[in-house]
Protein backbone atom coordinates (compact mmCIF):
# COMPACT_ATOMS: atom_id res chain seq x y z
CA UNK A 1 0.00 0.00 0.00
CA UNK A 2 1.15 3.54 -0.72
CA UNK A 3 2.65 5.30 2.32
CA UNK A 4 2.32 9.04 2.72
CA UNK A 5 4.49 10.79 5.29
CA UNK A 6 3.17 14.23 6.09
CA UNK A 7 1.41 16.50 8.55
CA UNK A 8 -2.06 17.98 8.92
CA UNK A 9 -0.25 21.32 9.42
CA UNK A 10 1.32 21.20 5.94
CA UNK A 11 -0.69 22.72 3.06
CA UNK A 12 1.05 20.51 0.48
CA UNK A 13 0.24 17.38 2.50
CA UNK A 14 -3.39 18.40 2.81
CA UNK A 15 -3.65 18.92 -0.96
CA UNK A 16 -1.91 15.61 -1.65
CA UNK A 17 -4.28 13.73 0.65
CA UNK A 18 -7.26 15.52 -0.89
CA UNK A 19 -6.19 14.28 -4.31
CA UNK A 20 -5.64 10.75 -3.03
CA UNK A 21 -9.08 10.70 -1.43
CA UNK A 22 -10.72 12.31 -4.47
CA UNK A 23 -9.33 9.53 -6.67
CA UNK A 24 -10.07 6.70 -4.22
CA UNK A 25 -6.40 5.77 -3.90
CA UNK A 26 -5.73 3.72 -0.79
CA UNK A 27 -2.81 4.87 1.32
CA UNK A 28 -1.31 4.61 4.76
CA UNK A 29 -1.24 8.14 6.19
CA UNK A 30 1.67 8.65 8.55
CA UNK A 31 1.29 12.01 10.29
CA UNK A 32 4.77 12.78 11.56
CA UNK A 33 3.47 15.50 13.89
CA UNK A 34 1.04 13.20 15.70
CA UNK A 35 3.12 10.06 16.07
CA UNK A 36 6.62 9.68 17.45
CA UNK A 37 6.82 6.26 15.82
CA UNK A 38 5.86 7.82 12.49
CA UNK A 39 8.35 10.66 12.97
CA UNK A 40 11.17 8.23 13.76
CA UNK A 41 10.28 6.14 10.70
CA UNK A 42 10.28 9.27 8.53
CA UNK A 43 13.58 10.57 9.94
CA UNK A 44 15.25 7.23 9.32
CA UNK A 45 14.10 7.38 5.70
CA UNK A 46 15.05 11.06 5.35
CA UNK A 47 18.51 10.54 6.84
CA UNK A 48 19.38 7.68 4.48
CA UNK A 49 17.74 8.53 1.15
CA UNK A 50 19.37 10.97 -1.29
CA UNK A 51 15.89 11.95 -2.54
CA UNK A 52 15.77 14.30 0.46
CA UNK A 53 19.12 16.02 -0.24
CA UNK A 54 17.59 19.03 -2.01
CA UNK A 55 14.94 19.44 0.69
CA UNK A 56 17.58 19.31 3.42
CA UNK A 57 19.90 21.69 1.54
CA UNK A 58 17.06 24.22 1.26
CA UNK A 59 15.76 23.85 4.82
CA UNK A 60 12.57 21.95 3.93
CA UNK A 61 11.21 19.00 5.85
CA UNK A 62 10.57 16.94 2.72
CA UNK A 63 6.84 16.30 3.05
CA UNK A 64 4.67 15.00 1.68
CA UNK A 65 6.87 12.01 0.96
CA UNK A 66 5.24 9.16 -0.94
CA UNK A 67 6.59 5.62 -0.89
CA UNK A 68 5.01 3.26 -3.41
CA UNK A 69 4.43 -0.48 -2.98
CA UNK A 70 7.65 -1.20 -4.85
CA UNK A 71 9.65 1.10 -2.54
CA UNK A 72 10.00 4.08 -4.88
CA UNK A 73 10.14 7.38 -3.04
CA UNK A 74 9.00 10.73 -4.38
CA UNK A 75 8.59 14.17 -2.92
CA UNK A 76 6.83 15.36 -6.09
CA UNK A 77 3.28 14.36 -5.24
CA UNK A 78 1.83 16.19 -8.23
CA UNK A 79 3.93 14.14 -10.66
CA UNK A 80 2.79 11.00 -8.88
CA UNK A 81 -0.71 11.82 -10.10
CA UNK A 82 0.07 13.24 -13.54
CA UNK A 83 2.24 10.23 -14.44
CA UNK A 84 -0.87 8.11 -13.89
CA UNK A 85 -3.00 10.42 -16.02
CA UNK A 86 -4.82 11.82 -13.00
CA UNK A 87 -5.71 15.51 -12.93
CA UNK A 88 -4.36 17.37 -9.89
CA UNK A 89 -6.68 19.74 -8.07
CA UNK A 90 -5.58 22.47 -5.68
CA UNK A 91 -8.39 23.08 -3.20
CA UNK A 92 -6.14 24.83 -0.68
CA UNK A 93 -5.20 28.44 -0.26
CA UNK A 94 -3.04 29.68 -3.14
CA UNK A 95 0.57 30.26 -2.15
CA UNK A 96 0.25 28.52 1.20
CA UNK A 97 3.52 27.05 2.44
CA UNK A 98 4.94 25.95 5.75
CA UNK A 99 8.57 26.91 5.23
CA UNK A 100 10.06 29.82 7.17
CA UNK A 101 10.85 31.46 3.84
CA UNK A 102 7.29 30.94 2.58
CA UNK A 103 8.35 28.17 0.22
CA UNK A 104 7.86 24.43 0.42
CA UNK A 105 7.44 22.11 3.36
PDB file of N, CA and C in Angstrom:
ATOM      1  N   UNK A   1       0.837  -1.181   0.000  1.00  0.00           N
ATOM      2  CA  UNK A   1       0.000   0.000   0.000  1.00  0.00           C
ATOM      3  C   UNK A   1       0.886   1.249   0.000  1.00  0.00           C
ATOM      4  N   UNK A   2       0.458   2.265  -0.684  1.00  0.00           N
ATOM      5  CA  UNK A   2       1.151   3.538  -0.722  1.00  0.00           C
ATOM      6  C   UNK A   2       1.256   4.104   0.692  1.00  0.00           C
ATOM      7  N   UNK A   3       2.452   4.622   1.036  1.00  0.00           N
ATOM      8  CA  UNK A   3       2.648   5.297   2.318  1.00  0.00           C
ATOM      9  C   UNK A   3       2.834   6.776   2.040  1.00  0.00           C
ATOM     10  N   UNK A   4       2.177   7.598   2.846  1.00  0.00           N
ATOM     11  CA  UNK A   4       2.324   9.042   2.719  1.00  0.00           C
ATOM     12  C   UNK A   4       2.758   9.599   4.068  1.00  0.00           C
ATOM     13  N   UNK A   5       3.992  10.131   4.098  1.00  0.00           N
ATOM     14  CA  UNK A   5       4.493  10.792   5.292  1.00  0.00           C
ATOM     15  C   UNK A   5       4.172  12.268   5.155  1.00  0.00           C
ATOM     16  N   UNK A   6       3.528  12.824   6.167  1.00  0.00           N
ATOM     17  CA  UNK A   6       3.170  14.227   6.093  1.00  0.00           C
ATOM     18  C   UNK A   6       2.672  14.740   7.415  1.00  0.00           C
ATOM     19  N   UNK A   7       1.944  15.864   7.354  1.00  0.00           N
ATOM     20  CA  UNK A   7       1.408  16.500   8.545  1.00  0.00           C
ATOM     21  C   UNK A   7       0.128  17.239   8.186  1.00  0.00           C
ATOM     22  N   UNK A   8      -0.810  17.230   9.113  1.00  0.00           N
ATOM     23  CA  UNK A   8      -2.056  17.982   8.923  1.00  0.00           C
ATOM     24  C   UNK A   8      -1.796  19.487   8.969  1.00  0.00           C
ATOM     25  N   UNK A   9      -0.609  19.902   9.370  1.00  0.00           N
ATOM     26  CA  UNK A   9      -0.255  21.317   9.422  1.00  0.00           C
ATOM     27  C   UNK A   9       0.366  21.802   8.112  1.00  0.00           C
ATOM     28  N   UNK A  10       0.616  20.892   7.188  1.00  0.00           N
ATOM     29  CA  UNK A  10       1.317  21.202   5.944  1.00  0.00           C
ATOM     30  C   UNK A  10       0.320  21.345   4.789  1.00  0.00           C
ATOM     31  N   UNK A  11       0.245  22.519   4.164  1.00  0.00           N
ATOM     32  CA  UNK A  11      -0.690  22.723   3.055  1.00  0.00           C
ATOM     33  C   UNK A  11      -0.472  21.754   1.894  1.00  0.00           C
ATOM     34  N   UNK A  12       0.786  21.450   1.564  1.00  0.00           N
ATOM     35  CA  UNK A  12       1.054  20.508   0.475  1.00  0.00           C
ATOM     36  C   UNK A  12       0.543  19.113   0.818  1.00  0.00           C
ATOM     37  N   UNK A  13       0.711  18.702   2.064  1.00  0.00           N
ATOM     38  CA  UNK A  13       0.239  17.384   2.497  1.00  0.00           C
ATOM     39  C   UNK A  13      -1.282  17.301   2.431  1.00  0.00           C
ATOM     40  N   UNK A  14      -1.925  18.364   2.837  1.00  0.00           N
ATOM     41  CA  UNK A  14      -3.392  18.402   2.808  1.00  0.00           C
ATOM     42  C   UNK A  14      -3.892  18.287   1.370  1.00  0.00           C
ATOM     43  N   UNK A  15      -3.250  19.006   0.441  1.00  0.00           N
ATOM     44  CA  UNK A  15      -3.651  18.918  -0.960  1.00  0.00           C
ATOM     45  C   UNK A  15      -3.369  17.540  -1.531  1.00  0.00           C
ATOM     46  N   UNK A  16      -2.242  16.959  -1.177  1.00  0.00           N
ATOM     47  CA  UNK A  16      -1.906  15.612  -1.648  1.00  0.00           C
ATOM     48  C   UNK A  16      -2.959  14.617  -1.183  1.00  0.00           C
ATOM     49  N   UNK A  17      -3.278  14.655   0.109  1.00  0.00           N
ATOM     50  CA  UNK A  17      -4.276  13.732   0.649  1.00  0.00           C
ATOM     51  C   UNK A  17      -5.646  13.964   0.022  1.00  0.00           C
ATOM     52  N   UNK A  18      -5.988  15.204  -0.234  1.00  0.00           N
ATOM     53  CA  UNK A  18      -7.259  15.520  -0.888  1.00  0.00           C
ATOM     54  C   UNK A  18      -7.329  14.847  -2.256  1.00  0.00           C
ATOM     55  N   UNK A  19      -6.231  14.907  -2.998  1.00  0.00           N
ATOM     56  CA  UNK A  19      -6.195  14.276  -4.313  1.00  0.00           C
ATOM     57  C   UNK A  19      -6.234  12.757  -4.228  1.00  0.00           C
ATOM     58  N   UNK A  20      -5.575  12.196  -3.229  1.00  0.00           N
ATOM     59  CA  UNK A  20      -5.638  10.748  -3.028  1.00  0.00           C
ATOM     60  C   UNK A  20      -7.073  10.320  -2.730  1.00  0.00           C
ATOM     61  N   UNK A  21      -7.705  11.029  -1.811  1.00  0.00           N
ATOM     62  CA  UNK A  21      -9.080  10.700  -1.433  1.00  0.00           C
ATOM     63  C   UNK A  21     -10.041  10.896  -2.607  1.00  0.00           C
ATOM     64  N   UNK A  22      -9.859  11.978  -3.322  1.00  0.00           N
ATOM     65  CA  UNK A  22     -10.717  12.307  -4.468  1.00  0.00           C
ATOM     66  C   UNK A  22     -10.673  11.217  -5.539  1.00  0.00           C
ATOM     67  N   UNK A  23      -9.518  10.567  -5.648  1.00  0.00           N
ATOM     68  CA  UNK A  23      -9.330   9.533  -6.668  1.00  0.00           C
ATOM     69  C   UNK A  23      -9.401   8.120  -6.104  1.00  0.00           C
ATOM     70  N   UNK A  24      -9.882   8.005  -4.872  1.00  0.00           N
ATOM     71  CA  UNK A  24     -10.065   6.695  -4.221  1.00  0.00           C
ATOM     72  C   UNK A  24      -8.803   5.842  -4.232  1.00  0.00           C
ATOM     73  N   UNK A  25      -7.672   6.485  -3.981  1.00  0.00           N
ATOM     74  CA  UNK A  25      -6.397   5.771  -3.901  1.00  0.00           C
ATOM     75  C   UNK A  25      -6.148   5.426  -2.436  1.00  0.00           C
ATOM     76  N   UNK A  26      -5.988   4.149  -2.159  1.00  0.00           N
ATOM     77  CA  UNK A  26      -5.727   3.716  -0.790  1.00  0.00           C
ATOM     78  C   UNK A  26      -4.296   4.071  -0.395  1.00  0.00           C
ATOM     79  N   UNK A  27      -4.135   4.514   0.837  1.00  0.00           N
ATOM     80  CA  UNK A  27      -2.809   4.874   1.319  1.00  0.00           C
ATOM     81  C   UNK A  27      -2.770   4.784   2.835  1.00  0.00           C
ATOM     82  N   UNK A  28      -1.557   4.605   3.322  1.00  0.00           N
ATOM     83  CA  UNK A  28      -1.312   4.611   4.760  1.00  0.00           C
ATOM     84  C   UNK A  28      -0.803   6.003   5.105  1.00  0.00           C
ATOM     85  N   UNK A  29      -1.604   6.772   5.814  1.00  0.00           N
ATOM     86  CA  UNK A  29      -1.240   8.136   6.188  1.00  0.00           C
ATOM     87  C   UNK A  29      -0.420   8.112   7.468  1.00  0.00           C
ATOM     88  N   UNK A  30       0.804   8.603   7.389  1.00  0.00           N
ATOM     89  CA  UNK A  30       1.671   8.652   8.553  1.00  0.00           C
ATOM     90  C   UNK A  30       1.915  10.121   8.874  1.00  0.00           C
ATOM     91  N   UNK A  31       1.192  10.611   9.876  1.00  0.00           N
ATOM     92  CA  UNK A  31       1.289  12.006  10.293  1.00  0.00           C
ATOM     93  C   UNK A  31       2.466  12.131  11.250  1.00  0.00           C
ATOM     94  N   UNK A  32       3.543  12.729  10.768  1.00  0.00           N
ATOM     95  CA  UNK A  32       4.774  12.784  11.560  1.00  0.00           C
ATOM     96  C   UNK A  32       4.685  13.754  12.734  1.00  0.00           C
ATOM     97  N   UNK A  33       3.627  14.564  12.771  1.00  0.00           N
ATOM     98  CA  UNK A  33       3.473  15.496  13.887  1.00  0.00           C
ATOM     99  C   UNK A  33       2.543  14.958  14.962  1.00  0.00           C
ATOM    100  N   UNK A  34       1.943  13.806  14.716  1.00  0.00           N
ATOM    101  CA  UNK A  34       1.041  13.201  15.701  1.00  0.00           C
ATOM    102  C   UNK A  34       1.527  11.860  16.212  1.00  0.00           C
ATOM    103  N   UNK A  35       2.653  11.381  15.697  1.00  0.00           N
ATOM    104  CA  UNK A  35       3.124  10.058  16.070  1.00  0.00           C
ATOM    105  C   UNK A  35       4.647  10.041  16.150  1.00  0.00           C
ATOM    106  N   UNK A  36       5.173   9.790  17.332  1.00  0.00           N
ATOM    107  CA  UNK A  36       6.622   9.683  17.450  1.00  0.00           C
ATOM    108  C   UNK A  36       7.159   8.506  16.650  1.00  0.00           C
ATOM    109  N   UNK A  37       6.414   7.413  16.627  1.00  0.00           N
ATOM    110  CA  UNK A  37       6.824   6.262  15.823  1.00  0.00           C
ATOM    111  C   UNK A  37       6.898   6.654  14.347  1.00  0.00           C
ATOM    112  N   UNK A  38       5.876   7.364  13.873  1.00  0.00           N
ATOM    113  CA  UNK A  38       5.863   7.820  12.491  1.00  0.00           C
ATOM    114  C   UNK A  38       6.986   8.797  12.196  1.00  0.00           C
ATOM    115  N   UNK A  39       7.253   9.707  13.136  1.00  0.00           N
ATOM    116  CA  UNK A  39       8.345  10.665  12.972  1.00  0.00           C
ATOM    117  C   UNK A  39       9.684   9.944  12.890  1.00  0.00           C
ATOM    118  N   UNK A  40       9.911   8.978  13.780  1.00  0.00           N
ATOM    119  CA  UNK A  40      11.169   8.226  13.760  1.00  0.00           C
ATOM    120  C   UNK A  40      11.338   7.470  12.443  1.00  0.00           C
ATOM    121  N   UNK A  41      10.251   6.864  11.970  1.00  0.00           N
ATOM    122  CA  UNK A  41      10.279   6.137  10.700  1.00  0.00           C
ATOM    123  C   UNK A  41      10.633   7.096   9.560  1.00  0.00           C
ATOM    124  N   UNK A  42      10.012   8.280   9.559  1.00  0.00           N
ATOM    125  CA  UNK A  42      10.279   9.272   8.527  1.00  0.00           C
ATOM    126  C   UNK A  42      11.728   9.755   8.596  1.00  0.00           C
ATOM    127  N   UNK A  43      12.210  10.075   9.803  1.00  0.00           N
ATOM    128  CA  UNK A  43      13.581  10.575   9.937  1.00  0.00           C
ATOM    129  C   UNK A  43      14.614   9.544   9.495  1.00  0.00           C
ATOM    130  N   UNK A  44      14.351   8.291   9.769  1.00  0.00           N
ATOM    131  CA  UNK A  44      15.254   7.229   9.316  1.00  0.00           C
ATOM    132  C   UNK A  44      15.319   7.215   7.788  1.00  0.00           C
ATOM    133  N   UNK A  45      14.165   7.330   7.159  1.00  0.00           N
ATOM    134  CA  UNK A  45      14.097   7.378   5.697  1.00  0.00           C
ATOM    135  C   UNK A  45      14.787   8.635   5.178  1.00  0.00           C
ATOM    136  N   UNK A  46      14.503   9.767   5.785  1.00  0.00           N
ATOM    137  CA  UNK A  46      15.051  11.062   5.353  1.00  0.00           C
ATOM    138  C   UNK A  46      16.569  11.105   5.514  1.00  0.00           C
ATOM    139  N   UNK A  47      17.070  10.523   6.590  1.00  0.00           N
ATOM    140  CA  UNK A  47      18.514  10.539   6.841  1.00  0.00           C
ATOM    141  C   UNK A  47      19.293   9.679   5.859  1.00  0.00           C
ATOM    142  N   UNK A  48      18.657   8.650   5.309  1.00  0.00           N
ATOM    143  CA  UNK A  48      19.385   7.682   4.482  1.00  0.00           C
ATOM    144  C   UNK A  48      19.156   7.831   2.980  1.00  0.00           C
ATOM    145  N   UNK A  49      18.095   8.508   2.568  1.00  0.00           N
ATOM    146  CA  UNK A  49      17.744   8.534   1.147  1.00  0.00           C
ATOM    147  C   UNK A  49      18.134   9.862   0.500  1.00  0.00           C
ATOM    148  N   UNK A  50      18.889   9.781  -0.579  1.00  0.00           N
ATOM    149  CA  UNK A  50      19.366  10.970  -1.291  1.00  0.00           C
ATOM    150  C   UNK A  50      18.229  11.795  -1.895  1.00  0.00           C
ATOM    151  N   UNK A  51      17.045  11.213  -2.017  1.00  0.00           N
ATOM    152  CA  UNK A  51      15.885  11.953  -2.537  1.00  0.00           C
ATOM    153  C   UNK A  51      15.633  13.212  -1.707  1.00  0.00           C
ATOM    154  N   UNK A  52      16.010  13.183  -0.450  1.00  0.00           N
ATOM    155  CA  UNK A  52      15.769  14.300   0.455  1.00  0.00           C
ATOM    156  C   UNK A  52      16.891  15.347   0.452  1.00  0.00           C
ATOM    157  N   UNK A  53      17.970  15.112  -0.291  1.00  0.00           N
ATOM    158  CA  UNK A  53      19.121  16.017  -0.239  1.00  0.00           C
ATOM    159  C   UNK A  53      18.746  17.461  -0.570  1.00  0.00           C
ATOM    160  N   UNK A  54      17.975  17.675  -1.630  1.00  0.00           N
ATOM    161  CA  UNK A  54      17.591  19.032  -2.013  1.00  0.00           C
ATOM    162  C   UNK A  54      16.733  19.681  -0.928  1.00  0.00           C
ATOM    163  N   UNK A  55      15.801  18.914  -0.383  1.00  0.00           N
ATOM    164  CA  UNK A  55      14.944  19.443   0.689  1.00  0.00           C
ATOM    165  C   UNK A  55      15.797  19.851   1.886  1.00  0.00           C
ATOM    166  N   UNK A  56      16.728  18.997   2.273  1.00  0.00           N
ATOM    167  CA  UNK A  56      17.583  19.307   3.415  1.00  0.00           C
ATOM    168  C   UNK A  56      18.479  20.512   3.129  1.00  0.00           C
ATOM    169  N   UNK A  57      19.032  20.574   1.912  1.00  0.00           N
ATOM    170  CA  UNK A  57      19.900  21.694   1.541  1.00  0.00           C
ATOM    171  C   UNK A  57      19.161  23.026   1.573  1.00  0.00           C
ATOM    172  N   UNK A  58      17.855  22.995   1.322  1.00  0.00           N
ATOM    173  CA  UNK A  58      17.059  24.216   1.265  1.00  0.00           C
ATOM    174  C   UNK A  58      16.228  24.452   2.513  1.00  0.00           C
ATOM    175  N   UNK A  59      16.432  23.637   3.541  1.00  0.00           N
ATOM    176  CA  UNK A  59      15.758  23.845   4.817  1.00  0.00           C
ATOM    177  C   UNK A  59      14.320  23.376   4.861  1.00  0.00           C
ATOM    178  N   UNK A  60      13.924  22.493   3.933  1.00  0.00           N
ATOM    179  CA  UNK A  60      12.569  21.947   3.932  1.00  0.00           C
ATOM    180  C   UNK A  60      12.540  20.640   4.710  1.00  0.00           C
ATOM    181  N   UNK A  61      11.375  20.268   5.156  1.00  0.00           N
ATOM    182  CA  UNK A  61      11.212  18.996   5.854  1.00  0.00           C
ATOM    183  C   UNK A  61      11.286  17.839   4.865  1.00  0.00           C
ATOM    184  N   UNK A  62      10.611  18.007   3.725  1.00  0.00           N
ATOM    185  CA  UNK A  62      10.566  16.938   2.725  1.00  0.00           C
ATOM    186  C   UNK A  62       9.255  16.179   2.762  1.00  0.00           C
ATOM    187  N   UNK A  63       8.173  16.901   3.035  1.00  0.00           N
ATOM    188  CA  UNK A  63       6.842  16.295   3.049  1.00  0.00           C
ATOM    189  C   UNK A  63       5.935  17.064   2.104  1.00  0.00           C
ATOM    190  N   UNK A  64       4.963  16.411   1.536  1.00  0.00           N
ATOM    191  CA  UNK A  64       4.668  15.000   1.682  1.00  0.00           C
ATOM    192  C   UNK A  64       5.699  14.135   0.957  1.00  0.00           C
ATOM    193  N   UNK A  65       5.988  13.008   1.550  1.00  0.00           N
ATOM    194  CA  UNK A  65       6.871  12.014   0.959  1.00  0.00           C
ATOM    195  C   UNK A  65       6.041  10.769   0.699  1.00  0.00           C
ATOM    196  N   UNK A  66       6.040  10.326  -0.551  1.00  0.00           N
ATOM    197  CA  UNK A  66       5.244   9.164  -0.940  1.00  0.00           C
ATOM    198  C   UNK A  66       6.162   7.990  -1.227  1.00  0.00           C
ATOM    199  N   UNK A  67       5.845   6.849  -0.642  1.00  0.00           N
ATOM    200  CA  UNK A  67       6.592   5.623  -0.887  1.00  0.00           C
ATOM    201  C   UNK A  67       5.615   4.613  -1.478  1.00  0.00           C
ATOM    202  N   UNK A  68       5.895   4.185  -2.709  1.00  0.00           N
ATOM    203  CA  UNK A  68       5.006   3.256  -3.405  1.00  0.00           C
ATOM    204  C   UNK A  68       5.224   1.823  -2.925  1.00  0.00           C
ATOM    205  N   UNK A  69       4.346   0.935  -3.349  1.00  0.00           N
ATOM    206  CA  UNK A  69       4.431  -0.480  -2.979  1.00  0.00           C
ATOM    207  C   UNK A  69       5.786  -1.088  -3.318  1.00  0.00           C
ATOM    208  N   UNK A  70       6.370  -0.628  -4.433  1.00  0.00           N
ATOM    209  CA  UNK A  70       7.653  -1.196  -4.853  1.00  0.00           C
ATOM    210  C   UNK A  70       8.851  -0.448  -4.247  1.00  0.00           C
ATOM    211  N   UNK A  71       8.584   0.430  -3.271  1.00  0.00           N
ATOM    212  CA  UNK A  71       9.651   1.102  -2.540  1.00  0.00           C
ATOM    213  C   UNK A  71      10.157   2.388  -3.159  1.00  0.00           C
ATOM    214  N   UNK A  72       9.556   2.830  -4.264  1.00  0.00           N
ATOM    215  CA  UNK A  72       9.999   4.077  -4.879  1.00  0.00           C
ATOM    216  C   UNK A  72       9.516   5.250  -4.039  1.00  0.00           C
ATOM    217  N   UNK A  73      10.405   6.211  -3.866  1.00  0.00           N
ATOM    218  CA  UNK A  73      10.138   7.381  -3.036  1.00  0.00           C
ATOM    219  C   UNK A  73      10.070   8.619  -3.914  1.00  0.00           C
ATOM    220  N   UNK A  74       9.078   9.455  -3.685  1.00  0.00           N
ATOM    221  CA  UNK A  74       9.000  10.731  -4.379  1.00  0.00           C
ATOM    222  C   UNK A  74       8.516  11.813  -3.435  1.00  0.00           C
ATOM    223  N   UNK A  75       9.055  12.997  -3.644  1.00  0.00           N
ATOM    224  CA  UNK A  75       8.591  14.169  -2.923  1.00  0.00           C
ATOM    225  C   UNK A  75       7.720  15.025  -3.840  1.00  0.00           C
ATOM    226  N   UNK A  76       7.625  14.638  -5.098  1.00  0.00           N
ATOM    227  CA  UNK A  76       6.833  15.363  -6.092  1.00  0.00           C
ATOM    228  C   UNK A  76       5.463  14.702  -6.227  1.00  0.00           C
ATOM    229  N   UNK A  77       4.588  15.018  -5.277  1.00  0.00           N
ATOM    230  CA  UNK A  77       3.282  14.362  -5.245  1.00  0.00           C
ATOM    231  C   UNK A  77       2.456  14.670  -6.477  1.00  0.00           C
ATOM    232  N   UNK A  78       2.614  15.850  -7.045  1.00  0.00           N
ATOM    233  CA  UNK A  78       1.830  16.192  -8.226  1.00  0.00           C
ATOM    234  C   UNK A  78       2.206  15.294  -9.409  1.00  0.00           C
ATOM    235  N   UNK A  79       3.501  15.047  -9.588  1.00  0.00           N
ATOM    236  CA  UNK A  79       3.933  14.143 -10.665  1.00  0.00           C
ATOM    237  C   UNK A  79       3.452  12.720 -10.440  1.00  0.00           C
ATOM    238  N   UNK A  80       3.334  12.324  -9.188  1.00  0.00           N
ATOM    239  CA  UNK A  80       2.792  10.997  -8.879  1.00  0.00           C
ATOM    240  C   UNK A  80       1.429  10.830  -9.548  1.00  0.00           C
ATOM    241  N   UNK A  81       0.617  11.876  -9.495  1.00  0.00           N
ATOM    242  CA  UNK A  81      -0.715  11.822 -10.099  1.00  0.00           C
ATOM    243  C   UNK A  81      -0.655  11.976 -11.616  1.00  0.00           C
ATOM    244  N   UNK A  82       0.067  12.975 -12.103  1.00  0.00           N
ATOM    245  CA  UNK A  82       0.071  13.244 -13.541  1.00  0.00           C
ATOM    246  C   UNK A  82       0.681  12.084 -14.332  1.00  0.00           C
ATOM    247  N   UNK A  83       1.649  11.385 -13.755  1.00  0.00           N
ATOM    248  CA  UNK A  83       2.236  10.228 -14.437  1.00  0.00           C
ATOM    249  C   UNK A  83       1.234   9.092 -14.590  1.00  0.00           C
ATOM    250  N   UNK A  84       0.192   9.114 -13.783  1.00  0.00           N
ATOM    251  CA  UNK A  84      -0.867   8.107 -13.887  1.00  0.00           C
ATOM    252  C   UNK A  84      -2.068   8.629 -14.677  1.00  0.00           C
ATOM    253  N   UNK A  85      -1.919   9.834 -15.244  1.00  0.00           N
ATOM    254  CA  UNK A  85      -3.003  10.415 -16.019  1.00  0.00           C
ATOM    255  C   UNK A  85      -4.125  10.974 -15.173  1.00  0.00           C
ATOM    256  N   UNK A  86      -3.822  11.295 -13.920  1.00  0.00           N
ATOM    257  CA  UNK A  86      -4.825  11.821 -13.003  1.00  0.00           C
ATOM    258  C   UNK A  86      -4.648  13.332 -12.879  1.00  0.00           C
ATOM    259  N   UNK A  87      -5.747  14.059 -13.060  1.00  0.00           N
ATOM    260  CA  UNK A  87      -5.712  15.508 -12.932  1.00  0.00           C
ATOM    261  C   UNK A  87      -5.516  15.897 -11.465  1.00  0.00           C
ATOM    262  N   UNK A  88      -4.630  16.861 -11.230  1.00  0.00           N
ATOM    263  CA  UNK A  88      -4.357  17.365  -9.891  1.00  0.00           C
ATOM    264  C   UNK A  88      -5.244  18.576  -9.627  1.00  0.00           C
ATOM    265  N   UNK A  89      -5.895  18.580  -8.478  1.00  0.00           N
ATOM    266  CA  UNK A  89      -6.682  19.744  -8.073  1.00  0.00           C
ATOM    267  C   UNK A  89      -6.002  20.397  -6.870  1.00  0.00           C
ATOM    268  N   UNK A  90      -6.172  21.699  -6.765  1.00  0.00           N
ATOM    269  CA  UNK A  90      -5.577  22.468  -5.679  1.00  0.00           C
ATOM    270  C   UNK A  90      -6.679  23.185  -4.908  1.00  0.00           C
ATOM    271  N   UNK A  91      -7.283  22.475  -3.953  1.00  0.00           N
ATOM    272  CA  UNK A  91      -8.385  23.081  -3.204  1.00  0.00           C
ATOM    273  C   UNK A  91      -7.935  24.045  -2.117  1.00  0.00           C
ATOM    274  N   UNK A  92      -6.644  24.020  -1.793  1.00  0.00           N
ATOM    275  CA  UNK A  92      -6.144  24.828  -0.681  1.00  0.00           C
ATOM    276  C   UNK A  92      -5.930  26.280  -1.056  1.00  0.00           C
ATOM    277  N   UNK A  93      -5.470  27.027  -0.094  1.00  0.00           N
ATOM    278  CA  UNK A  93      -5.198  28.444  -0.261  1.00  0.00           C
ATOM    279  C   UNK A  93      -3.992  28.629  -1.172  1.00  0.00           C
ATOM    280  N   UNK A  94      -4.123  29.429  -2.202  1.00  0.00           N
ATOM    281  CA  UNK A  94      -3.043  29.677  -3.145  1.00  0.00           C
ATOM    282  C   UNK A  94      -1.839  30.275  -2.424  1.00  0.00           C
ATOM    283  N   UNK A  95      -0.663  29.731  -2.721  1.00  0.00           N
ATOM    284  CA  UNK A  95       0.569  30.263  -2.155  1.00  0.00           C
ATOM    285  C   UNK A  95       0.852  29.821  -0.735  1.00  0.00           C
ATOM    286  N   UNK A  96       0.017  28.970  -0.171  1.00  0.00           N
ATOM    287  CA  UNK A  96       0.249  28.523   1.198  1.00  0.00           C
ATOM    288  C   UNK A  96       1.503  27.653   1.241  1.00  0.00           C
ATOM    289  N   UNK A  97       2.306  27.842   2.256  1.00  0.00           N
ATOM    290  CA  UNK A  97       3.518  27.054   2.441  1.00  0.00           C
ATOM    291  C   UNK A  97       3.839  27.039   3.930  1.00  0.00           C
ATOM    292  N   UNK A  98       4.620  26.045   4.332  1.00  0.00           N
ATOM    293  CA  UNK A  98       4.939  25.945   5.747  1.00  0.00           C
ATOM    294  C   UNK A  98       6.412  26.216   6.039  1.00  0.00           C
ATOM    295  N   UNK A  99       7.173  26.586   5.024  1.00  0.00           N
ATOM    296  CA  UNK A  99       8.569  26.914   5.231  1.00  0.00           C
ATOM    297  C   UNK A  99       8.728  28.304   5.839  1.00  0.00           C
ATOM    298  N   UNK A 100       9.779  28.517   6.571  1.00  0.00           N
ATOM    299  CA  UNK A 100      10.064  29.818   7.175  1.00  0.00           C
ATOM    300  C   UNK A 100      10.149  30.898   6.106  1.00  0.00           C
ATOM    301  N   UNK A 101      10.703  30.505   4.936  1.00  0.00           N
ATOM    302  CA  UNK A 101      10.853  31.461   3.841  1.00  0.00           C
ATOM    303  C   UNK A 101       9.606  31.570   2.969  1.00  0.00           C
ATOM    304  N   UNK A 102       8.518  30.894   3.354  1.00  0.00           N
ATOM    305  CA  UNK A 102       7.288  30.941   2.584  1.00  0.00           C
ATOM    306  C   UNK A 102       7.260  30.005   1.399  1.00  0.00           C
ATOM    307  N   UNK A 103       8.271  29.128   1.311  1.00  0.00           N
ATOM    308  CA  UNK A 103       8.350  28.173   0.217  1.00  0.00           C
ATOM    309  C   UNK A 103       8.371  26.767   0.798  1.00  0.00           C
ATOM    310  N   UNK A 104       7.741  25.849   0.117  1.00  0.00           N
ATOM    311  CA  UNK A 104       7.856  24.429   0.424  1.00  0.00           C
ATOM    312  C   UNK A 104       7.582  24.005   1.842  1.00  0.00           C
ATOM    313  N   UNK A 105       7.634  22.710   2.039  1.00  0.00           N
ATOM    314  CA  UNK A 105       7.443  22.105   3.356  1.00  0.00           C
ATOM    315  C   UNK A 105       8.568  21.168   3.574  1.00  0.00           C
TER     316      UNK A 105
END
